[in-house]
PDB file of N, CA and C in Angstrom:
ATOM      1  N   MET A   1     -78.808  89.081 -45.890  1.00  0.00           N
ATOM      2  CA  MET A   1     -78.302  90.168 -46.376  1.00  0.00           C
ATOM      3  C   MET A   1     -76.761  89.470 -47.401  1.00  0.00           C
ATOM      4  N   TYR A   2     -76.504  90.297 -48.098  1.00  0.00           N
ATOM      5  CA  TYR A   2     -75.055  89.864 -48.796  1.00  0.00           C
ATOM      6  C   TYR A   2     -74.201  91.000 -48.309  1.00  0.00           C
ATOM      7  N   LYS A   3     -72.988  90.137 -48.475  1.00  0.00           N
ATOM      8  CA  LYS A   3     -71.671  91.434 -48.138  1.00  0.00           C
ATOM      9  C   LYS A   3     -71.690  92.757 -48.718  1.00  0.00           C
ATOM     10  N   ASP A   4     -71.704  91.863 -50.194  1.00  0.00           N
ATOM     11  CA  ASP A   4     -71.670  93.356 -50.979  1.00  0.00           C
ATOM     12  C   ASP A   4     -72.994  93.762 -51.618  1.00  0.00           C
ATOM     13  N   GLU A   5     -74.305  93.569 -51.331  1.00  0.00           N
ATOM     14  CA  GLU A   5     -75.479  94.603 -51.245  1.00  0.00           C
ATOM     15  C   GLU A   5     -75.525  95.692 -51.641  1.00  0.00           C
ATOM     16  N   LEU A   6     -75.916  96.136 -52.588  1.00  0.00           N
ATOM     17  CA  LEU A   6     -75.901  97.390 -52.985  1.00  0.00           C
ATOM     18  C   LEU A   6     -77.529  98.292 -52.719  1.00  0.00           C
ATOM     19  N   ASP A   7     -77.258  99.115 -52.243  1.00  0.00           N
ATOM     20  CA  ASP A   7     -78.461 100.171 -51.628  1.00  0.00           C
ATOM     21  C   ASP A   7     -78.641 101.342 -52.900  1.00  0.00           C
ATOM     22  N   THR A   8     -79.632 102.095 -52.547  1.00  0.00           N
ATOM     23  CA  THR A   8     -79.401 103.506 -53.119  1.00  0.00           C
ATOM     24  C   THR A   8     -78.704 104.577 -52.522  1.00  0.00           C
ATOM     25  N   LYS A   9     -78.051 104.129 -51.467  1.00  0.00           N
ATOM     26  CA  LYS A   9     -76.719 105.500 -51.119  1.00  0.00           C
ATOM     27  C   LYS A   9     -75.288 104.904 -52.123  1.00  0.00           C
ATOM     28  N   LYS A  10     -75.629 103.342 -52.059  1.00  0.00           N
ATOM     29  CA  LYS A  10     -73.953 103.074 -52.906  1.00  0.00           C
ATOM     30  C   LYS A  10     -74.609 103.187 -54.072  1.00  0.00           C
ATOM     31  N   ILE A  11     -75.533 103.078 -54.612  1.00  0.00           N
ATOM     32  CA  ILE A  11     -75.963 103.631 -56.340  1.00  0.00           C
ATOM     33  C   ILE A  11     -75.488 104.854 -56.575  1.00  0.00           C
ATOM     34  N   GLY A  12     -75.772 105.955 -56.087  1.00  0.00           N
ATOM     35  CA  GLY A  12     -76.131 107.151 -56.171  1.00  0.00           C
ATOM     36  C   GLY A  12     -74.660 107.708 -56.072  1.00  0.00           C
ATOM     37  N   GLU A  13     -73.718 106.961 -55.050  1.00  0.00           N
ATOM     38  CA  GLU A  13     -72.372 107.252 -54.766  1.00  0.00           C
ATOM     39  C   GLU A  13     -71.673 107.476 -56.183  1.00  0.00           C
ATOM     40  N   ILE A  14     -72.009 105.441 -56.477  1.00  0.00           N
ATOM     41  CA  ILE A  14     -71.130 105.310 -58.030  1.00  0.00           C
ATOM     42  C   ILE A  14     -71.566 106.530 -59.008  1.00  0.00           C
ATOM     43  N   ILE A  15     -73.134 106.554 -59.174  1.00  0.00           N
ATOM     44  CA  ILE A  15     -73.545 107.433 -60.475  1.00  0.00           C
ATOM     45  C   ILE A  15     -72.654 109.000 -60.518  1.00  0.00           C
ATOM     46  N   ARG A  16     -72.734 109.332 -58.967  1.00  0.00           N
ATOM     47  CA  ARG A  16     -71.667 110.539 -58.634  1.00  0.00           C
ATOM     48  C   ARG A  16     -70.386 110.587 -59.401  1.00  0.00           C
ATOM     49  N   VAL A  17     -69.765 109.532 -58.861  1.00  0.00           N
ATOM     50  CA  VAL A  17     -68.010 109.576 -58.987  1.00  0.00           C
ATOM     51  C   VAL A  17     -68.393 109.392 -61.113  1.00  0.00           C
ATOM     52  N   ALA A  18     -68.822 108.167 -60.821  1.00  0.00           N
ATOM     53  CA  ALA A  18     -68.851 108.275 -62.904  1.00  0.00           C
ATOM     54  C   ALA A  18     -69.221 109.719 -63.756  1.00  0.00           C
ATOM     55  N   ARG A  19     -70.148 110.397 -62.886  1.00  0.00           N
ATOM     56  CA  ARG A  19     -70.629 111.786 -63.528  1.00  0.00           C
ATOM     57  C   ARG A  19     -69.317 112.802 -63.456  1.00  0.00           C
ATOM     58  N   LYS A  20     -68.788 113.068 -62.537  1.00  0.00           N
ATOM     59  CA  LYS A  20     -67.867 113.684 -62.167  1.00  0.00           C
ATOM     60  C   LYS A  20     -66.719 113.090 -63.029  1.00  0.00           C
ATOM     61  N   ALA A  21     -66.352 111.992 -63.323  1.00  0.00           N
ATOM     62  CA  ALA A  21     -65.491 111.973 -63.661  1.00  0.00           C
ATOM     63  C   ALA A  21     -65.250 111.951 -65.456  1.00  0.00           C
ATOM     64  N   GLN A  22     -66.338 111.918 -65.853  1.00  0.00           N
ATOM     65  CA  GLN A  22     -66.489 112.452 -66.739  1.00  0.00           C
ATOM     66  C   GLN A  22     -66.935 113.721 -67.117  1.00  0.00           C
ATOM     67  N   LYS A  23     -67.064 114.642 -66.619  1.00  0.00           N
ATOM     68  CA  LYS A  23     -66.759 115.990 -66.445  1.00  0.00           C
ATOM     69  C   LYS A  23     -67.930 116.193 -66.887  1.00  0.00           C
ATOM     70  N   LEU A  24     -69.273 115.834 -66.462  1.00  0.00           N
ATOM     71  CA  LEU A  24     -70.935 116.099 -66.709  1.00  0.00           C
ATOM     72  C   LEU A  24     -71.002 116.852 -65.569  1.00  0.00           C
ATOM     73  N   SER A  25     -72.008 118.021 -65.341  1.00  0.00           N
ATOM     74  CA  SER A  25     -73.178 118.559 -64.685  1.00  0.00           C
ATOM     75  C   SER A  25     -74.179 117.827 -64.618  1.00  0.00           C
ATOM     76  N   GLN A  26     -74.744 118.018 -63.465  1.00  0.00           N
ATOM     77  CA  GLN A  26     -76.218 117.235 -62.999  1.00  0.00           C
ATOM     78  C   GLN A  26     -77.052 117.785 -64.260  1.00  0.00           C
ATOM     79  N   GLU A  27     -76.759 118.984 -64.945  1.00  0.00           N
ATOM     80  CA  GLU A  27     -77.940 119.225 -65.888  1.00  0.00           C
ATOM     81  C   GLU A  27     -77.652 118.655 -67.259  1.00  0.00           C
ATOM     82  N   ASP A  28     -76.456 118.321 -67.362  1.00  0.00           N
ATOM     83  CA  ASP A  28     -75.752 117.639 -68.421  1.00  0.00           C
ATOM     84  C   ASP A  28     -76.302 116.369 -68.856  1.00  0.00           C
ATOM     85  N   LEU A  29     -75.659 115.428 -67.480  1.00  0.00           N
ATOM     86  CA  LEU A  29     -76.524 113.906 -67.222  1.00  0.00           C
ATOM     87  C   LEU A  29     -77.772 114.255 -67.786  1.00  0.00           C
ATOM     88  N   ALA A  30     -78.524 114.728 -66.956  1.00  0.00           N
ATOM     89  CA  ALA A  30     -80.059 114.595 -66.815  1.00  0.00           C
ATOM     90  C   ALA A  30     -80.749 115.274 -68.557  1.00  0.00           C
ATOM     91  N   ALA A  31     -79.664 116.018 -69.151  1.00  0.00           N
ATOM     92  CA  ALA A  31     -80.330 116.261 -70.356  1.00  0.00           C
ATOM     93  C   ALA A  31     -80.090 114.870 -71.445  1.00  0.00           C
ATOM     94  N   ILE A  32     -78.959 114.068 -71.210  1.00  0.00           N
ATOM     95  CA  ILE A  32     -78.546 113.156 -72.343  1.00  0.00           C
ATOM     96  C   ILE A  32     -79.395 112.214 -71.607  1.00  0.00           C
ATOM     97  N   SER A  33     -79.814 112.138 -70.005  1.00  0.00           N
ATOM     98  CA  SER A  33     -80.937 111.162 -70.221  1.00  0.00           C
ATOM     99  C   SER A  33     -82.417 111.396 -70.386  1.00  0.00           C
ATOM    100  N   LYS A  34     -82.625 112.418 -70.701  1.00  0.00           N
ATOM    101  CA  LYS A  34     -84.134 113.042 -70.947  1.00  0.00           C
ATOM    102  C   LYS A  34     -84.841 112.752 -69.427  1.00  0.00           C
ATOM    103  N   THR A  35     -84.216 113.122 -68.200  1.00  0.00           N
ATOM    104  CA  THR A  35     -84.933 113.501 -67.439  1.00  0.00           C
ATOM    105  C   THR A  35     -84.425 115.004 -66.698  1.00  0.00           C
ATOM    106  N   GLY A  36     -84.957 115.003 -64.966  1.00  0.00           N
ATOM    107  CA  GLY A  36     -84.578 116.326 -64.386  1.00  0.00           C
ATOM    108  C   GLY A  36     -83.614 116.298 -63.879  1.00  0.00           C
ATOM    109  N   ARG A  37     -83.103 117.686 -63.767  1.00  0.00           N
ATOM    110  CA  ARG A  37     -81.404 117.527 -62.911  1.00  0.00           C
ATOM    111  C   ARG A  37     -82.245 117.412 -61.719  1.00  0.00           C
ATOM    112  N   ARG A  38     -83.452 117.501 -61.069  1.00  0.00           N
ATOM    113  CA  ARG A  38     -83.648 116.929 -59.548  1.00  0.00           C
ATOM    114  C   ARG A  38     -83.877 115.380 -59.655  1.00  0.00           C
ATOM    115  N   VAL A  39     -84.378 114.861 -60.374  1.00  0.00           N
ATOM    116  CA  VAL A  39     -83.995 113.140 -60.820  1.00  0.00           C
ATOM    117  C   VAL A  39     -82.210 112.642 -60.378  1.00  0.00           C
ATOM    118  N   ILE A  40     -81.395 113.513 -60.940  1.00  0.00           N
ATOM    119  CA  ILE A  40     -80.333 113.215 -60.208  1.00  0.00           C
ATOM    120  C   ILE A  40     -80.189 113.221 -59.234  1.00  0.00           C
ATOM    121  N   SER A  41     -80.443 114.577 -59.192  1.00  0.00           N
ATOM    122  CA  SER A  41     -79.703 114.922 -57.620  1.00  0.00           C
ATOM    123  C   SER A  41     -80.718 114.173 -56.753  1.00  0.00           C
ATOM    124  N   GLU A  42     -81.926 113.703 -57.283  1.00  0.00           N
ATOM    125  CA  GLU A  42     -81.943 113.050 -55.965  1.00  0.00           C
ATOM    126  C   GLU A  42     -81.388 110.964 -55.722  1.00  0.00           C
ATOM    127  N   LEU A  43     -81.394 110.762 -56.885  1.00  0.00           N
ATOM    128  CA  LEU A  43     -80.787 109.501 -57.202  1.00  0.00           C
ATOM    129  C   LEU A  43     -79.410 109.818 -56.278  1.00  0.00           C
ATOM    130  N   GLU A  44     -78.365 110.722 -56.529  1.00  0.00           N
ATOM    131  CA  GLU A  44     -77.031 110.988 -55.820  1.00  0.00           C
ATOM    132  C   GLU A  44     -77.579 110.778 -54.672  1.00  0.00           C
ATOM    133  N   ASN A  45     -78.400 110.920 -53.988  1.00  0.00           N
ATOM    134  CA  ASN A  45     -78.011 111.415 -52.591  1.00  0.00           C
ATOM    135  C   ASN A  45     -79.147 109.867 -52.101  1.00  0.00           C
ATOM    136  N   GLY A  46     -79.522 108.911 -53.108  1.00  0.00           N
ATOM    137  CA  GLY A  46     -79.875 107.685 -52.328  1.00  0.00           C
ATOM    138  C   GLY A  46     -81.639 107.379 -52.135  1.00  0.00           C
ATOM    139  N   LYS A  47     -82.137 108.220 -52.786  1.00  0.00           N
ATOM    140  CA  LYS A  47     -83.701 108.476 -52.943  1.00  0.00           C
ATOM    141  C   LYS A  47     -83.812 107.238 -53.064  1.00  0.00           C
ATOM    142  N   GLU A  48     -85.173 106.398 -52.340  1.00  0.00           N
ATOM    143  CA  GLU A  48     -85.098 105.198 -52.928  1.00  0.00           C
ATOM    144  C   GLU A  48     -86.652 105.227 -53.593  1.00  0.00           C
ATOM    145  N   THR A  49     -87.221 105.881 -54.475  1.00  0.00           N
ATOM    146  CA  THR A  49     -88.340 106.102 -55.035  1.00  0.00           C
ATOM    147  C   THR A  49     -87.711 106.369 -56.591  1.00  0.00           C
ATOM    148  N   VAL A  50     -86.835 106.295 -56.797  1.00  0.00           N
ATOM    149  CA  VAL A  50     -86.998 107.286 -58.161  1.00  0.00           C
ATOM    150  C   VAL A  50     -86.493 105.879 -59.029  1.00  0.00           C
ATOM    151  N   GLU A  51     -88.107 106.252 -60.240  1.00  0.00           N
ATOM    152  CA  GLU A  51     -88.109 104.983 -60.804  1.00  0.00           C
ATOM    153  C   GLU A  51     -86.879 104.256 -61.412  1.00  0.00           C
ATOM    154  N   ILE A  52     -86.627 102.805 -61.372  1.00  0.00           N
ATOM    155  CA  ILE A  52     -86.008 102.060 -62.159  1.00  0.00           C
ATOM    156  C   ILE A  52     -85.471 102.569 -63.350  1.00  0.00           C
ATOM    157  N   GLY A  53     -86.754 102.318 -64.324  1.00  0.00           N
ATOM    158  CA  GLY A  53     -86.817 102.921 -65.570  1.00  0.00           C
ATOM    159  C   GLY A  53     -85.159 103.730 -65.818  1.00  0.00           C
ATOM    160  N   LYS A  54     -85.874 105.440 -65.083  1.00  0.00           N
ATOM    161  CA  LYS A  54     -84.779 106.035 -65.052  1.00  0.00           C
ATOM    162  C   LYS A  54     -83.258 106.000 -64.497  1.00  0.00           C
ATOM    163  N   VAL A  55     -83.555 105.305 -63.703  1.00  0.00           N
ATOM    164  CA  VAL A  55     -82.061 104.656 -62.992  1.00  0.00           C
ATOM    165  C   VAL A  55     -81.375 103.936 -64.189  1.00  0.00           C
ATOM    166  N   LEU A  56     -81.821 103.294 -64.953  1.00  0.00           N
ATOM    167  CA  LEU A  56     -80.999 102.168 -65.752  1.00  0.00           C
ATOM    168  C   LEU A  56     -81.262 103.183 -66.826  1.00  0.00           C
ATOM    169  N   CYS A  57     -81.230 103.864 -67.327  1.00  0.00           N
ATOM    170  CA  CYS A  57     -81.420 105.313 -68.337  1.00  0.00           C
ATOM    171  C   CYS A  57     -79.968 105.956 -67.785  1.00  0.00           C
ATOM    172  N   ILE A  58     -80.167 106.294 -66.787  1.00  0.00           N
ATOM    173  CA  ILE A  58     -78.980 107.105 -66.001  1.00  0.00           C
ATOM    174  C   ILE A  58     -77.921 106.554 -66.522  1.00  0.00           C
ATOM    175  N   LEU A  59     -77.621 105.436 -65.766  1.00  0.00           N
ATOM    176  CA  LEU A  59     -76.954 103.875 -65.753  1.00  0.00           C
ATOM    177  C   LEU A  59     -76.026 103.536 -67.167  1.00  0.00           C
ATOM    178  N   ASN A  60     -77.445 103.564 -68.265  1.00  0.00           N
ATOM    179  CA  ASN A  60     -76.648 103.303 -69.484  1.00  0.00           C
ATOM    180  C   ASN A  60     -75.703 104.193 -70.017  1.00  0.00           C
ATOM    181  N   ASN A  61     -76.456 105.626 -69.875  1.00  0.00           N
ATOM    182  CA  ASN A  61     -75.453 106.872 -70.048  1.00  0.00           C
ATOM    183  C   ASN A  61     -74.295 106.867 -69.856  1.00  0.00           C
ATOM    184  N   LEU A  62     -73.768 106.747 -68.486  1.00  0.00           N
ATOM    185  CA  LEU A  62     -73.141 106.816 -68.028  1.00  0.00           C
ATOM    186  C   LEU A  62     -71.862 105.733 -68.343  1.00  0.00           C
ATOM    187  N   GLY A  63     -72.639 104.579 -69.178  1.00  0.00           N
ATOM    188  CA  GLY A  63     -71.724 103.352 -69.487  1.00  0.00           C
ATOM    189  C   GLY A  63     -71.402 102.568 -68.067  1.00  0.00           C
ATOM    190  N   ILE A  64     -72.263 102.321 -67.260  1.00  0.00           N
ATOM    191  CA  ILE A  64     -72.423 101.819 -66.036  1.00  0.00           C
ATOM    192  C   ILE A  64     -73.131 100.604 -66.135  1.00  0.00           C
ATOM    193  N   ALA A  65     -72.322  99.037 -65.876  1.00  0.00           N
ATOM    194  CA  ALA A  65     -73.491  97.813 -66.241  1.00  0.00           C
ATOM    195  C   ALA A  65     -73.916  97.237 -64.793  1.00  0.00           C
ATOM    196  N   LEU A  66     -75.056  96.793 -64.719  1.00  0.00           N
ATOM    197  CA  LEU A  66     -75.660  96.449 -63.537  1.00  0.00           C
ATOM    198  C   LEU A  66     -76.130  95.198 -63.676  1.00  0.00           C
ATOM    199  N   ASN A  67     -75.390  93.849 -63.323  1.00  0.00           N
ATOM    200  CA  ASN A  67     -75.321  92.603 -63.253  1.00  0.00           C
ATOM    201  C   ASN A  67     -76.102  92.305 -62.378  1.00  0.00           C
ATOM    202  N   LEU A  68     -77.032  91.343 -63.108  1.00  0.00           N
ATOM    203  CA  LEU A  68     -77.696  90.791 -61.957  1.00  0.00           C
ATOM    204  C   LEU A  68     -77.232  89.184 -61.656  1.00  0.00           C
ATOM    205  N   VAL A  69     -77.575  88.643 -60.422  1.00  0.00           N
ATOM    206  CA  VAL A  69     -76.945  86.941 -60.274  1.00  0.00           C
ATOM    207  C   VAL A  69     -77.875  86.557 -59.340  1.00  0.00           C
ATOM    208  N   GLN A  70     -78.117  85.522 -59.483  1.00  0.00           N
ATOM    209  CA  GLN A  70     -79.008  84.528 -58.848  1.00  0.00           C
ATOM    210  C   GLN A  70     -78.139  83.974 -57.786  1.00  0.00           C
ATOM    211  N   ASN A  71     -78.561  84.271 -56.683  1.00  0.00           N
ATOM    212  CA  ASN A  71     -78.175  83.949 -55.018  1.00  0.00           C
ATOM    213  C   ASN A  71     -79.050  83.004 -55.060  1.00  0.00           C
ATOM    214  N   TRP A  72     -80.385  82.130 -55.193  1.00  0.00           N
ATOM    215  CA  TRP A  72     -80.737  81.138 -54.373  1.00  0.00           C
ATOM    216  C   TRP A  72     -80.556  79.907 -55.454  1.00  0.00           C
ATOM    217  N   LYS A  73     -80.689  78.705 -54.668  1.00  0.00           N
ATOM    218  CA  LYS A  73     -81.231  77.709 -55.526  1.00  0.00           C
ATOM    219  C   LYS A  73     -82.770  77.095 -55.453  1.00  0.00           C
ATOM    220  N   GLU A  74     -82.234  76.471 -56.959  1.00  0.00           N
ATOM    221  CA  GLU A  74     -83.551  76.116 -57.275  1.00  0.00           C
ATOM    222  C   GLU A  74     -84.584  74.812 -57.029  1.00  0.00           C
TER     223      GLU A  74
END
């Protein structure tokens, strides 16, 4: 396990902070992300089964970049 490893709770908190900083309600973010308010709520609460496509769409709409880094040797 890496020291800075993300988990669903950390991702949810990042999304909640960004949404509030942009003065968006869960309903607003759901509308621009073409999903439901329930998805936003579940994601912000760290639910592990939110679809990755929806997560990526929400991150993009908030202007959050997700960077993947290869941590193994080939």
